[in-house]
Amino acid sequence: MQTNNQPNASDSPQVSSQIPRQNILPTAPLPESISQNIETIIALHRRSEKNVPQHQRIVEAVTVFFGRPVFLYSILLAIILWVTPNVLPRRLGVPKFEEFPFPWLQFSLTAGSLLVTTGVLIKQERQEKLAEQRAQLSLQLNLLSEQKIAKIISLLEELRQDIPNVKNRSDPEAEIMKSPTDAHAIVDLLEETLASELANLSQEETSIEE
């Protein structure tokens, strides 16, 4: 009786290497709250982009190109192609179209720098407006959240006092948190603290110099 010692074709390394391996990672669905927050952010971004004029979109699209390495390489290549023929010796027979110090090249670079700076400032101004709007929105939401937290603490304190099984005790920290924080008072305190710190630093510098 002979046993078949030949390897199975399906077990060979060549065949096994041809079988595609699919690594399927299980992905859990996002919670509904996170999905709603993402949709809200997208809606706000879409709303801000909707009111942008078409000519400003063109300027910002060109400004994006200014920030790429290709633009830098293009400027360097243009300067080399402009300067090289004008500095070569005349015996080589290369026609010169501008003498040193290359006034037309300087004028072109100055005009280009002015245009690039203006385009960057236009885009930066709109980005600053968007950042200010988002900061105002974050401030309003933080103040609203702080008021809600203060209300929850107040309700919990009332509930604690109404439950007979819970020992009634005085909690000074909870009493302070029951009322919402005055934002104006915090700003005034920060300004006073900053002014006093700057005054102390100036006095220390004056004493060191003396």
N, C-alpha and C. Protein backbone atom coordinates (compact mmCIF):
# COMPACT_ATOMS: atom_id res chain seq x y z
N MET A 1 0.85 -1.18 0.00
CA MET A 1 0.00 0.00 0.00
C MET A 1 0.89 1.23 0.00
N GLN A 2 0.75 2.12 -0.97
CA GLN A 2 1.57 3.30 -1.12
C GLN A 2 0.78 4.51 -0.62
N THR A 3 1.51 5.32 0.12
CA THR A 3 0.89 6.56 0.58
C THR A 3 1.29 7.70 -0.33
N ASN A 4 0.39 8.60 -0.55
CA ASN A 4 0.63 9.74 -1.43
C ASN A 4 1.31 10.84 -0.63
N ASN A 5 2.62 11.04 -0.85
CA ASN A 5 3.40 12.04 -0.14
C ASN A 5 3.50 13.35 -0.89
N GLN A 6 2.85 13.48 -2.03
CA GLN A 6 2.92 14.72 -2.80
C GLN A 6 2.13 15.80 -2.08
N PRO A 7 2.70 17.01 -2.01
CA PRO A 7 1.98 18.10 -1.32
C PRO A 7 0.76 18.51 -2.10
N ASN A 8 -0.24 18.90 -1.37
CA ASN A 8 -1.47 19.38 -1.99
C ASN A 8 -1.22 20.71 -2.65
N ALA A 9 -1.81 20.92 -3.83
CA ALA A 9 -1.59 22.16 -4.59
C ALA A 9 -2.13 23.37 -3.86
N SER A 10 -3.18 23.13 -3.10
CA SER A 10 -3.77 24.27 -2.40
C SER A 10 -2.94 24.71 -1.21
N ASP A 11 -2.03 23.78 -0.71
CA ASP A 11 -1.20 24.12 0.42
C ASP A 11 0.14 24.70 0.02
N SER A 12 0.44 24.79 -1.27
CA SER A 12 1.73 25.30 -1.71
C SER A 12 1.81 26.79 -1.44
N PRO A 13 3.03 27.32 -1.22
CA PRO A 13 3.16 28.75 -0.91
C PRO A 13 2.75 29.63 -2.07
N GLN A 14 2.94 29.15 -3.35
CA GLN A 14 2.56 29.98 -4.48
C GLN A 14 1.06 30.19 -4.52
N VAL A 15 0.32 29.11 -4.28
CA VAL A 15 -1.12 29.23 -4.34
C VAL A 15 -1.64 30.05 -3.18
N SER A 16 -1.02 29.84 -1.98
CA SER A 16 -1.48 30.60 -0.82
C SER A 16 -1.18 32.07 -0.95
N SER A 17 -0.09 32.41 -1.66
CA SER A 17 0.23 33.82 -1.83
C SER A 17 -0.72 34.49 -2.80
N GLN A 18 -1.35 33.70 -3.69
CA GLN A 18 -2.27 34.27 -4.66
C GLN A 18 -3.64 34.53 -4.06
N ILE A 19 -3.93 33.96 -2.92
CA ILE A 19 -5.24 34.16 -2.30
C ILE A 19 -5.27 35.52 -1.63
N PRO A 20 -6.14 36.41 -2.02
CA PRO A 20 -6.17 37.74 -1.42
C PRO A 20 -6.62 37.68 0.02
N ARG A 21 -5.94 38.44 0.83
CA ARG A 21 -6.28 38.53 2.24
C ARG A 21 -7.04 39.83 2.49
N GLN A 22 -8.19 39.73 3.00
CA GLN A 22 -9.01 40.89 3.28
C GLN A 22 -9.08 41.09 4.80
N ASN A 23 -8.48 42.18 5.22
CA ASN A 23 -8.53 42.53 6.63
C ASN A 23 -9.70 43.47 6.86
N ILE A 24 -10.76 42.97 7.34
CA ILE A 24 -11.97 43.75 7.56
C ILE A 24 -12.00 44.14 9.03
N LEU A 25 -11.83 45.44 9.28
CA LEU A 25 -11.85 45.93 10.65
C LEU A 25 -13.27 46.34 11.01
N PRO A 26 -13.77 45.86 12.11
CA PRO A 26 -15.14 46.26 12.49
C PRO A 26 -15.17 47.72 12.89
N THR A 27 -16.09 48.45 12.35
CA THR A 27 -16.24 49.87 12.65
C THR A 27 -17.58 50.08 13.33
N ALA A 28 -17.52 50.67 14.50
CA ALA A 28 -18.74 50.95 15.24
C ALA A 28 -19.36 52.24 14.74
N PRO A 29 -20.66 52.31 14.63
CA PRO A 29 -21.29 53.56 14.17
C PRO A 29 -21.09 54.67 15.18
N LEU A 30 -21.00 55.89 14.67
CA LEU A 30 -20.82 57.02 15.55
C LEU A 30 -22.08 57.27 16.36
N PRO A 31 -21.92 57.74 17.59
CA PRO A 31 -23.11 58.09 18.37
C PRO A 31 -23.89 59.21 17.68
N GLU A 32 -25.17 59.24 17.97
CA GLU A 32 -26.03 60.23 17.31
C GLU A 32 -25.63 61.65 17.66
N SER A 33 -25.18 61.87 18.90
CA SER A 33 -24.78 63.22 19.30
C SER A 33 -23.58 63.71 18.50
N ILE A 34 -22.59 62.82 18.27
CA ILE A 34 -21.42 63.21 17.50
C ILE A 34 -21.80 63.48 16.05
N SER A 35 -22.68 62.66 15.49
CA SER A 35 -23.12 62.88 14.11
C SER A 35 -23.85 64.21 13.97
N GLN A 36 -24.67 64.54 14.95
CA GLN A 36 -25.37 65.82 14.90
C GLN A 36 -24.40 66.99 15.02
N ASN A 37 -23.38 66.84 15.87
CA ASN A 37 -22.39 67.91 15.99
C ASN A 37 -21.62 68.11 14.69
N ILE A 38 -21.27 67.01 14.03
CA ILE A 38 -20.57 67.11 12.75
C ILE A 38 -21.44 67.79 11.71
N GLU A 39 -22.72 67.42 11.66
CA GLU A 39 -23.63 68.06 10.72
C GLU A 39 -23.80 69.55 11.03
N THR A 40 -23.81 69.91 12.29
CA THR A 40 -23.93 71.32 12.66
C THR A 40 -22.71 72.11 12.21
N ILE A 41 -21.51 71.54 12.41
CA ILE A 41 -20.28 72.22 11.98
C ILE A 41 -20.25 72.38 10.47
N ILE A 42 -20.66 71.33 9.74
CA ILE A 42 -20.69 71.41 8.29
C ILE A 42 -21.70 72.46 7.83
N ALA A 43 -22.84 72.53 8.49
CA ALA A 43 -23.85 73.53 8.12
C ALA A 43 -23.34 74.94 8.36
N LEU A 44 -22.64 75.16 9.47
CA LEU A 44 -22.08 76.48 9.73
C LEU A 44 -21.01 76.85 8.70
N HIS A 45 -20.18 75.87 8.35
CA HIS A 45 -19.15 76.13 7.34
C HIS A 45 -19.78 76.41 5.97
N ARG A 46 -20.81 75.65 5.62
CA ARG A 46 -21.49 75.88 4.35
C ARG A 46 -22.16 77.25 4.32
N ARG A 47 -22.71 77.65 5.45
CA ARG A 47 -23.36 78.96 5.52
C ARG A 47 -22.36 80.09 5.34
N SER A 48 -21.17 79.94 5.94
CA SER A 48 -20.15 80.98 5.79
C SER A 48 -19.59 81.03 4.37
N GLU A 49 -19.49 79.88 3.71
CA GLU A 49 -18.96 79.84 2.35
C GLU A 49 -19.99 80.30 1.32
N LYS A 50 -21.26 80.26 1.67
CA LYS A 50 -22.31 80.60 0.71
C LYS A 50 -22.32 82.07 0.37
N ASN A 51 -21.94 82.93 1.32
CA ASN A 51 -22.02 84.37 1.12
C ASN A 51 -20.74 84.97 0.55
N VAL A 52 -19.77 84.14 0.16
CA VAL A 52 -18.52 84.65 -0.40
C VAL A 52 -18.72 84.98 -1.87
N PRO A 53 -18.38 86.20 -2.32
CA PRO A 53 -18.54 86.54 -3.75
C PRO A 53 -17.62 85.69 -4.62
N GLN A 54 -17.99 85.62 -5.91
CA GLN A 54 -17.23 84.80 -6.83
C GLN A 54 -15.82 85.35 -7.05
N HIS A 55 -15.69 86.68 -7.14
CA HIS A 55 -14.36 87.25 -7.37
C HIS A 55 -13.43 87.01 -6.18
N GLN A 56 -13.99 86.98 -4.98
CA GLN A 56 -13.16 86.68 -3.80
C GLN A 56 -12.75 85.21 -3.79
N ARG A 57 -13.61 84.34 -4.28
CA ARG A 57 -13.24 82.93 -4.39
C ARG A 57 -12.05 82.75 -5.33
N ILE A 58 -12.06 83.51 -6.44
CA ILE A 58 -10.96 83.42 -7.39
C ILE A 58 -9.66 83.91 -6.76
N VAL A 59 -9.74 85.04 -6.04
CA VAL A 59 -8.55 85.58 -5.38
C VAL A 59 -8.01 84.60 -4.35
N GLU A 60 -8.88 83.97 -3.56
CA GLU A 60 -8.43 83.03 -2.55
C GLU A 60 -7.87 81.76 -3.17
N ALA A 61 -8.44 81.35 -4.32
CA ALA A 61 -7.89 80.17 -5.00
C ALA A 61 -6.47 80.44 -5.50
N VAL A 62 -6.25 81.65 -6.02
CA VAL A 62 -4.90 82.02 -6.46
C VAL A 62 -3.96 82.14 -5.26
N THR A 63 -4.48 82.65 -4.15
CA THR A 63 -3.66 82.79 -2.95
C THR A 63 -3.21 81.44 -2.42
N VAL A 64 -4.06 80.43 -2.56
CA VAL A 64 -3.66 79.09 -2.14
C VAL A 64 -2.45 78.61 -2.93
N PHE A 65 -2.40 78.95 -4.23
CA PHE A 65 -1.25 78.58 -5.05
C PHE A 65 0.01 79.30 -4.59
N PHE A 66 -0.14 80.51 -4.06
CA PHE A 66 1.03 81.25 -3.58
C PHE A 66 1.71 80.54 -2.42
N GLY A 67 0.97 79.78 -1.65
CA GLY A 67 1.54 79.11 -0.48
C GLY A 67 2.12 77.75 -0.77
N ARG A 68 2.19 77.34 -2.02
CA ARG A 68 2.72 76.03 -2.37
C ARG A 68 4.19 76.13 -2.78
N PRO A 69 4.96 75.04 -2.60
CA PRO A 69 6.37 75.08 -3.00
C PRO A 69 6.55 75.30 -4.50
N VAL A 70 5.58 74.91 -5.31
CA VAL A 70 5.71 75.10 -6.76
C VAL A 70 5.85 76.58 -7.11
N PHE A 71 5.15 77.43 -6.38
CA PHE A 71 5.24 78.87 -6.64
C PHE A 71 6.64 79.38 -6.35
N LEU A 72 7.25 78.92 -5.26
CA LEU A 72 8.62 79.31 -4.95
C LEU A 72 9.59 78.84 -6.02
N TYR A 73 9.44 77.59 -6.45
CA TYR A 73 10.32 77.08 -7.50
C TYR A 73 10.14 77.85 -8.80
N SER A 74 8.91 78.25 -9.09
CA SER A 74 8.65 79.03 -10.31
C SER A 74 9.34 80.38 -10.25
N ILE A 75 9.31 81.04 -9.10
CA ILE A 75 9.97 82.33 -8.97
C ILE A 75 11.48 82.18 -9.13
N LEU A 76 12.06 81.16 -8.48
CA LEU A 76 13.50 80.95 -8.59
C LEU A 76 13.91 80.64 -10.03
N LEU A 77 13.10 79.84 -10.71
CA LEU A 77 13.41 79.52 -12.11
C LEU A 77 13.31 80.75 -13.00
N ALA A 78 12.31 81.58 -12.77
CA ALA A 78 12.16 82.80 -13.57
C ALA A 78 13.32 83.75 -13.34
N ILE A 79 13.78 83.88 -12.09
CA ILE A 79 14.92 84.76 -11.81
C ILE A 79 16.18 84.23 -12.47
N ILE A 80 16.37 82.92 -12.42
CA ILE A 80 17.57 82.34 -13.06
C ILE A 80 17.53 82.55 -14.57
N LEU A 81 16.39 82.32 -15.20
CA LEU A 81 16.29 82.51 -16.65
C LEU A 81 16.41 83.97 -17.04
N TRP A 82 16.08 84.87 -16.12
CA TRP A 82 16.19 86.30 -16.42
C TRP A 82 17.63 86.80 -16.24
N VAL A 83 18.28 86.34 -15.17
CA VAL A 83 19.60 86.88 -14.84
C VAL A 83 20.70 86.21 -15.65
N THR A 84 20.58 84.92 -15.88
CA THR A 84 21.68 84.18 -16.51
C THR A 84 22.08 84.75 -17.87
N PRO A 85 21.15 84.99 -18.81
CA PRO A 85 21.60 85.54 -20.10
C PRO A 85 22.23 86.93 -19.99
N ASN A 86 21.87 87.68 -18.99
CA ASN A 86 22.37 89.05 -18.88
C ASN A 86 23.73 89.14 -18.19
N VAL A 87 24.19 88.05 -17.55
CA VAL A 87 25.50 88.08 -16.89
C VAL A 87 26.55 87.28 -17.65
N LEU A 88 26.13 86.60 -18.69
CA LEU A 88 27.11 85.83 -19.48
C LEU A 88 27.98 86.77 -20.30
N PRO A 89 29.21 86.36 -20.58
CA PRO A 89 30.10 87.22 -21.40
C PRO A 89 29.53 87.43 -22.81
N ARG A 90 29.87 88.56 -23.38
CA ARG A 90 29.35 88.90 -24.72
C ARG A 90 29.92 87.99 -25.81
N ARG A 91 31.11 87.43 -25.56
CA ARG A 91 31.71 86.59 -26.60
C ARG A 91 30.93 85.31 -26.86
N LEU A 92 30.05 84.93 -25.94
CA LEU A 92 29.24 83.74 -26.15
C LEU A 92 28.10 83.99 -27.12
N GLY A 93 27.84 85.23 -27.45
CA GLY A 93 26.81 85.54 -28.42
C GLY A 93 25.39 85.46 -27.89
N VAL A 94 25.21 85.42 -26.59
CA VAL A 94 23.87 85.36 -26.00
C VAL A 94 23.32 86.78 -25.92
N PRO A 95 22.17 87.04 -26.53
CA PRO A 95 21.62 88.41 -26.51
C PRO A 95 21.20 88.80 -25.09
N LYS A 96 21.56 90.04 -24.70
CA LYS A 96 21.19 90.58 -23.40
C LYS A 96 20.03 91.55 -23.57
N PHE A 97 19.04 91.41 -22.74
CA PHE A 97 17.87 92.29 -22.83
C PHE A 97 17.75 93.22 -21.64
N GLU A 98 18.65 93.12 -20.64
CA GLU A 98 18.63 94.05 -19.52
C GLU A 98 19.98 94.01 -18.82
N GLU A 99 20.46 95.19 -18.49
CA GLU A 99 21.75 95.31 -17.81
C GLU A 99 21.56 95.33 -16.30
N PHE A 100 22.65 95.00 -15.61
CA PHE A 100 22.64 95.10 -14.15
C PHE A 100 22.39 96.55 -13.74
N PRO A 101 21.58 96.82 -12.70
CA PRO A 101 21.01 95.94 -11.66
C PRO A 101 19.61 95.43 -11.96
N PHE A 102 19.25 95.24 -13.21
CA PHE A 102 18.00 94.61 -13.63
C PHE A 102 16.77 95.36 -13.08
N PRO A 103 16.54 96.57 -13.54
CA PRO A 103 15.40 97.35 -13.02
C PRO A 103 14.04 96.71 -13.33
N TRP A 104 13.91 96.12 -14.54
CA TRP A 104 12.63 95.50 -14.87
C TRP A 104 12.37 94.26 -14.01
N LEU A 105 13.40 93.52 -13.68
CA LEU A 105 13.23 92.38 -12.78
C LEU A 105 12.83 92.85 -11.38
N GLN A 106 13.45 93.92 -10.91
CA GLN A 106 13.07 94.45 -9.61
C GLN A 106 11.63 94.95 -9.61
N PHE A 107 11.24 95.60 -10.69
CA PHE A 107 9.87 96.08 -10.77
C PHE A 107 8.88 94.92 -10.80
N SER A 108 9.20 93.86 -11.53
CA SER A 108 8.32 92.69 -11.60
C SER A 108 8.19 92.02 -10.23
N LEU A 109 9.32 91.87 -9.54
CA LEU A 109 9.28 91.24 -8.22
C LEU A 109 8.51 92.10 -7.22
N THR A 110 8.67 93.43 -7.31
CA THR A 110 7.95 94.32 -6.40
C THR A 110 6.45 94.26 -6.65
N ALA A 111 6.07 94.31 -7.94
CA ALA A 111 4.65 94.23 -8.26
C ALA A 111 4.07 92.88 -7.87
N GLY A 112 4.81 91.81 -8.11
CA GLY A 112 4.33 90.49 -7.70
C GLY A 112 4.20 90.35 -6.20
N SER A 113 5.17 90.92 -5.47
CA SER A 113 5.08 90.87 -4.00
C SER A 113 3.86 91.63 -3.50
N LEU A 114 3.56 92.78 -4.14
CA LEU A 114 2.38 93.55 -3.76
C LEU A 114 1.10 92.76 -3.99
N LEU A 115 1.01 92.10 -5.13
CA LEU A 115 -0.18 91.30 -5.43
C LEU A 115 -0.32 90.11 -4.48
N VAL A 116 0.79 89.44 -4.21
CA VAL A 116 0.74 88.30 -3.30
C VAL A 116 0.32 88.74 -1.90
N THR A 117 0.90 89.85 -1.43
CA THR A 117 0.57 90.34 -0.08
C THR A 117 -0.90 90.74 0.01
N THR A 118 -1.40 91.39 -1.04
CA THR A 118 -2.81 91.79 -1.04
C THR A 118 -3.73 90.59 -1.03
N GLY A 119 -3.40 89.57 -1.83
CA GLY A 119 -4.22 88.37 -1.85
C GLY A 119 -4.22 87.65 -0.52
N VAL A 120 -3.04 87.58 0.11
CA VAL A 120 -2.97 86.92 1.42
C VAL A 120 -3.76 87.70 2.47
N LEU A 121 -3.70 89.04 2.42
CA LEU A 121 -4.45 89.85 3.38
C LEU A 121 -5.96 89.69 3.18
N ILE A 122 -6.41 89.57 1.93
CA ILE A 122 -7.84 89.38 1.68
C ILE A 122 -8.33 88.06 2.28
N LYS A 123 -7.57 87.00 2.05
CA LYS A 123 -7.96 85.71 2.61
C LYS A 123 -7.84 85.70 4.13
N GLN A 124 -6.78 86.35 4.65
CA GLN A 124 -6.59 86.38 6.09
C GLN A 124 -7.70 87.16 6.79
N GLU A 125 -8.19 88.22 6.15
CA GLU A 125 -9.27 88.99 6.75
C GLU A 125 -10.53 88.16 6.89
N ARG A 126 -10.86 87.38 5.86
CA ARG A 126 -12.06 86.54 5.95
C ARG A 126 -11.87 85.43 6.99
N GLN A 127 -10.66 84.88 7.06
CA GLN A 127 -10.41 83.86 8.07
C GLN A 127 -10.51 84.43 9.48
N GLU A 128 -10.07 85.68 9.67
CA GLU A 128 -10.18 86.31 10.98
C GLU A 128 -11.64 86.56 11.35
N LYS A 129 -12.45 86.93 10.36
CA LYS A 129 -13.88 87.11 10.64
C LYS A 129 -14.53 85.79 11.04
N LEU A 130 -14.18 84.72 10.33
CA LEU A 130 -14.72 83.41 10.69
C LEU A 130 -14.26 82.99 12.08
N ALA A 131 -12.97 83.24 12.38
CA ALA A 131 -12.46 82.88 13.71
C ALA A 131 -13.15 83.69 14.80
N GLU A 132 -13.43 84.97 14.52
CA GLU A 132 -14.13 85.80 15.51
C GLU A 132 -15.56 85.30 15.72
N GLN A 133 -16.23 84.94 14.64
CA GLN A 133 -17.59 84.40 14.78
C GLN A 133 -17.59 83.12 15.58
N ARG A 134 -16.63 82.23 15.31
CA ARG A 134 -16.56 80.98 16.06
C ARG A 134 -16.23 81.22 17.53
N ALA A 135 -15.37 82.21 17.78
CA ALA A 135 -15.04 82.53 19.17
C ALA A 135 -16.26 83.08 19.90
N GLN A 136 -17.04 83.93 19.22
CA GLN A 136 -18.26 84.46 19.83
C GLN A 136 -19.27 83.33 20.10
N LEU A 137 -19.37 82.41 19.13
CA LEU A 137 -20.28 81.28 19.31
C LEU A 137 -19.83 80.40 20.47
N SER A 138 -18.52 80.14 20.56
CA SER A 138 -18.01 79.33 21.67
C SER A 138 -18.23 80.02 23.01
N LEU A 139 -18.05 81.34 23.04
CA LEU A 139 -18.28 82.08 24.28
C LEU A 139 -19.74 82.00 24.72
N GLN A 140 -20.65 82.18 23.76
CA GLN A 140 -22.07 82.10 24.10
C GLN A 140 -22.46 80.71 24.57
N LEU A 141 -21.94 79.68 23.91
CA LEU A 141 -22.25 78.32 24.33
C LEU A 141 -21.66 78.01 25.70
N ASN A 142 -20.46 78.52 25.97
CA ASN A 142 -19.85 78.29 27.29
C ASN A 142 -20.64 78.98 28.39
N LEU A 143 -21.09 80.21 28.12
CA LEU A 143 -21.89 80.91 29.12
C LEU A 143 -23.22 80.20 29.35
N LEU A 144 -23.82 79.72 28.25
CA LEU A 144 -25.08 78.99 28.40
C LEU A 144 -24.87 77.68 29.15
N SER A 145 -23.78 76.98 28.87
CA SER A 145 -23.50 75.74 29.59
C SER A 145 -23.26 76.01 31.08
N GLU A 146 -22.57 77.11 31.37
CA GLU A 146 -22.32 77.46 32.77
C GLU A 146 -23.63 77.77 33.50
N GLN A 147 -24.55 78.45 32.83
CA GLN A 147 -25.86 78.72 33.44
C GLN A 147 -26.65 77.44 33.66
N LYS A 148 -26.57 76.53 32.70
CA LYS A 148 -27.28 75.25 32.85
C LYS A 148 -26.70 74.44 34.02
N ILE A 149 -25.37 74.43 34.13
CA ILE A 149 -24.75 73.68 35.22
C ILE A 149 -25.14 74.27 36.57
N ALA A 150 -25.16 75.61 36.64
CA ALA A 150 -25.57 76.25 37.89
C ALA A 150 -27.02 75.90 38.23
N LYS A 151 -27.88 75.84 37.23
CA LYS A 151 -29.28 75.48 37.47
C LYS A 151 -29.39 74.03 37.94
N ILE A 152 -28.61 73.14 37.36
CA ILE A 152 -28.64 71.74 37.78
C ILE A 152 -28.17 71.59 39.22
N ILE A 153 -27.12 72.31 39.59
CA ILE A 153 -26.64 72.25 40.97
C ILE A 153 -27.70 72.79 41.93
N SER A 154 -28.40 73.85 41.52
CA SER A 154 -29.45 74.40 42.37
C SER A 154 -30.58 73.40 42.56
N LEU A 155 -30.97 72.73 41.47
CA LEU A 155 -32.04 71.73 41.58
C LEU A 155 -31.60 70.53 42.43
N LEU A 156 -30.35 70.12 42.31
CA LEU A 156 -29.86 69.01 43.12
C LEU A 156 -29.83 69.39 44.60
N GLU A 157 -29.47 70.61 44.90
CA GLU A 157 -29.47 71.05 46.29
C GLU A 157 -30.89 71.07 46.86
N GLU A 158 -31.85 71.52 46.05
CA GLU A 158 -33.24 71.50 46.51
C GLU A 158 -33.73 70.07 46.71
N LEU A 159 -33.34 69.19 45.78
CA LEU A 159 -33.74 67.79 45.89
C LEU A 159 -33.10 67.15 47.12
N ARG A 160 -31.86 67.48 47.40
CA ARG A 160 -31.19 66.92 48.58
C ARG A 160 -31.86 67.36 49.88
N GLN A 161 -32.31 68.59 49.90
CA GLN A 161 -32.99 69.08 51.10
C GLN A 161 -34.38 68.47 51.28
N ASP A 162 -35.01 68.08 50.16
CA ASP A 162 -36.36 67.53 50.24
C ASP A 162 -36.37 66.04 50.58
N ILE A 163 -35.28 65.34 50.34
CA ILE A 163 -35.24 63.89 50.63
C ILE A 163 -34.98 63.70 52.11
N PRO A 164 -35.86 63.03 52.80
CA PRO A 164 -35.67 62.88 54.26
C PRO A 164 -34.54 61.93 54.62
N ASN A 165 -34.22 60.97 53.76
CA ASN A 165 -33.18 60.00 54.09
C ASN A 165 -31.77 60.58 53.97
N VAL A 166 -31.65 61.72 53.30
CA VAL A 166 -30.34 62.32 53.11
C VAL A 166 -30.11 63.36 54.20
N LYS A 167 -28.94 63.28 54.81
CA LYS A 167 -28.62 64.20 55.88
C LYS A 167 -28.41 65.60 55.33
N ASN A 168 -29.11 66.54 55.90
CA ASN A 168 -29.00 67.92 55.47
C ASN A 168 -27.73 68.53 56.08
N ARG A 169 -26.89 69.02 55.21
CA ARG A 169 -25.65 69.63 55.67
C ARG A 169 -25.37 70.85 54.81
N SER A 170 -24.58 71.72 55.33
CA SER A 170 -24.23 72.95 54.63
C SER A 170 -23.03 72.70 53.73
N ASP A 171 -23.18 73.09 52.47
CA ASP A 171 -22.11 72.92 51.49
C ASP A 171 -21.82 74.30 50.90
N PRO A 172 -20.83 75.02 51.39
CA PRO A 172 -20.55 76.37 50.88
C PRO A 172 -20.17 76.39 49.41
N GLU A 173 -19.45 75.36 48.96
CA GLU A 173 -19.04 75.32 47.55
C GLU A 173 -20.25 75.18 46.64
N ALA A 174 -21.21 74.33 47.05
CA ALA A 174 -22.43 74.18 46.25
C ALA A 174 -23.26 75.45 46.26
N GLU A 175 -23.26 76.17 47.38
CA GLU A 175 -24.00 77.43 47.44
C GLU A 175 -23.41 78.45 46.47
N ILE A 176 -22.08 78.46 46.33
CA ILE A 176 -21.45 79.38 45.39
C ILE A 176 -21.76 78.99 43.95
N MET A 177 -21.76 77.68 43.68
CA MET A 177 -21.98 77.20 42.31
C MET A 177 -23.44 77.29 41.88
N LYS A 178 -24.34 77.53 42.81
CA LYS A 178 -25.76 77.62 42.45
C LYS A 178 -26.06 78.85 41.59
N SER A 179 -25.27 79.88 41.76
CA SER A 179 -25.48 81.10 40.98
C SER A 179 -24.48 81.13 39.83
N PRO A 180 -24.89 81.52 38.62
CA PRO A 180 -23.97 81.57 37.48
C PRO A 180 -22.88 82.62 37.69
N THR A 181 -21.75 82.36 37.10
CA THR A 181 -20.60 83.25 37.24
C THR A 181 -20.81 84.53 36.44
N ASP A 182 -20.40 85.64 37.03
CA ASP A 182 -20.48 86.93 36.35
C ASP A 182 -19.26 87.08 35.45
N ALA A 183 -19.49 87.08 34.13
CA ALA A 183 -18.38 87.19 33.18
C ALA A 183 -17.69 88.54 33.28
N HIS A 184 -18.45 89.60 33.53
CA HIS A 184 -17.85 90.93 33.64
C HIS A 184 -16.91 91.00 34.84
N ALA A 185 -17.30 90.38 35.94
CA ALA A 185 -16.43 90.38 37.12
C ALA A 185 -15.13 89.63 36.85
N ILE A 186 -15.21 88.54 36.10
CA ILE A 186 -13.99 87.78 35.77
C ILE A 186 -13.06 88.60 34.89
N VAL A 187 -13.65 89.31 33.90
CA VAL A 187 -12.82 90.14 33.01
C VAL A 187 -12.15 91.25 33.79
N ASP A 188 -12.90 91.90 34.69
CA ASP A 188 -12.31 92.97 35.50
C ASP A 188 -11.19 92.44 36.39
N LEU A 189 -11.41 91.26 36.98
CA LEU A 189 -10.38 90.67 37.83
C LEU A 189 -9.12 90.32 37.04
N LEU A 190 -9.31 89.79 35.83
CA LEU A 190 -8.16 89.47 34.99
C LEU A 190 -7.38 90.72 34.61
N GLU A 191 -8.11 91.80 34.27
CA GLU A 191 -7.43 93.04 33.91
C GLU A 191 -6.67 93.62 35.10
N GLU A 192 -7.28 93.59 36.28
CA GLU A 192 -6.59 94.10 37.46
C GLU A 192 -5.35 93.27 37.78
N THR A 193 -5.49 91.95 37.69
CA THR A 193 -4.34 91.08 37.98
C THR A 193 -3.23 91.30 36.97
N LEU A 194 -3.59 91.42 35.69
CA LEU A 194 -2.57 91.65 34.66
C LEU A 194 -1.90 93.00 34.85
N ALA A 195 -2.67 94.03 35.21
CA ALA A 195 -2.07 95.34 35.43
C ALA A 195 -1.11 95.33 36.61
N SER A 196 -1.50 94.64 37.68
CA SER A 196 -0.61 94.56 38.85
C SER A 196 0.65 93.77 38.54
N GLU A 197 0.52 92.70 37.76
CA GLU A 197 1.71 91.92 37.39
C GLU A 197 2.65 92.73 36.52
N LEU A 198 2.10 93.49 35.56
CA LEU A 198 2.95 94.33 34.72
C LEU A 198 3.64 95.42 35.54
N ALA A 199 2.91 95.99 36.51
CA ALA A 199 3.51 97.01 37.37
C ALA A 199 4.65 96.43 38.20
N ASN A 200 4.47 95.22 38.72
CA ASN A 200 5.52 94.57 39.50
C ASN A 200 6.74 94.27 38.64
N LEU A 201 6.50 93.83 37.41
CA LEU A 201 7.63 93.54 36.52
C LEU A 201 8.40 94.81 36.18
N SER A 202 7.68 95.89 35.92
CA SER A 202 8.36 97.15 35.62
C SER A 202 9.17 97.65 36.80
N GLN A 203 8.65 97.50 38.02
CA GLN A 203 9.37 97.90 39.22
C GLN A 203 10.63 97.04 39.42
N GLU A 204 10.54 95.73 39.16
CA GLU A 204 11.70 94.87 39.27
C GLU A 204 12.77 95.24 38.25
N GLU A 205 12.35 95.53 37.00
CA GLU A 205 13.33 95.92 36.00
C GLU A 205 14.00 97.24 36.36
N THR A 206 13.21 98.19 36.91
CA THR A 206 13.79 99.47 37.31
C THR A 206 14.79 99.29 38.44
N SER A 207 14.46 98.44 39.42
CA SER A 207 15.38 98.21 40.52
C SER A 207 16.65 97.51 40.07
N ILE A 208 16.54 96.61 39.09
CA ILE A 208 17.73 95.93 38.56
C ILE A 208 18.64 96.91 37.83
N GLU A 209 18.05 97.81 37.04
CA GLU A 209 18.85 98.79 36.30
C GLU A 209 19.57 99.75 37.24
N GLU A 210 18.90 100.10 38.37
CA GLU A 210 19.55 101.00 39.33
C GLU A 210 20.68 100.28 40.07
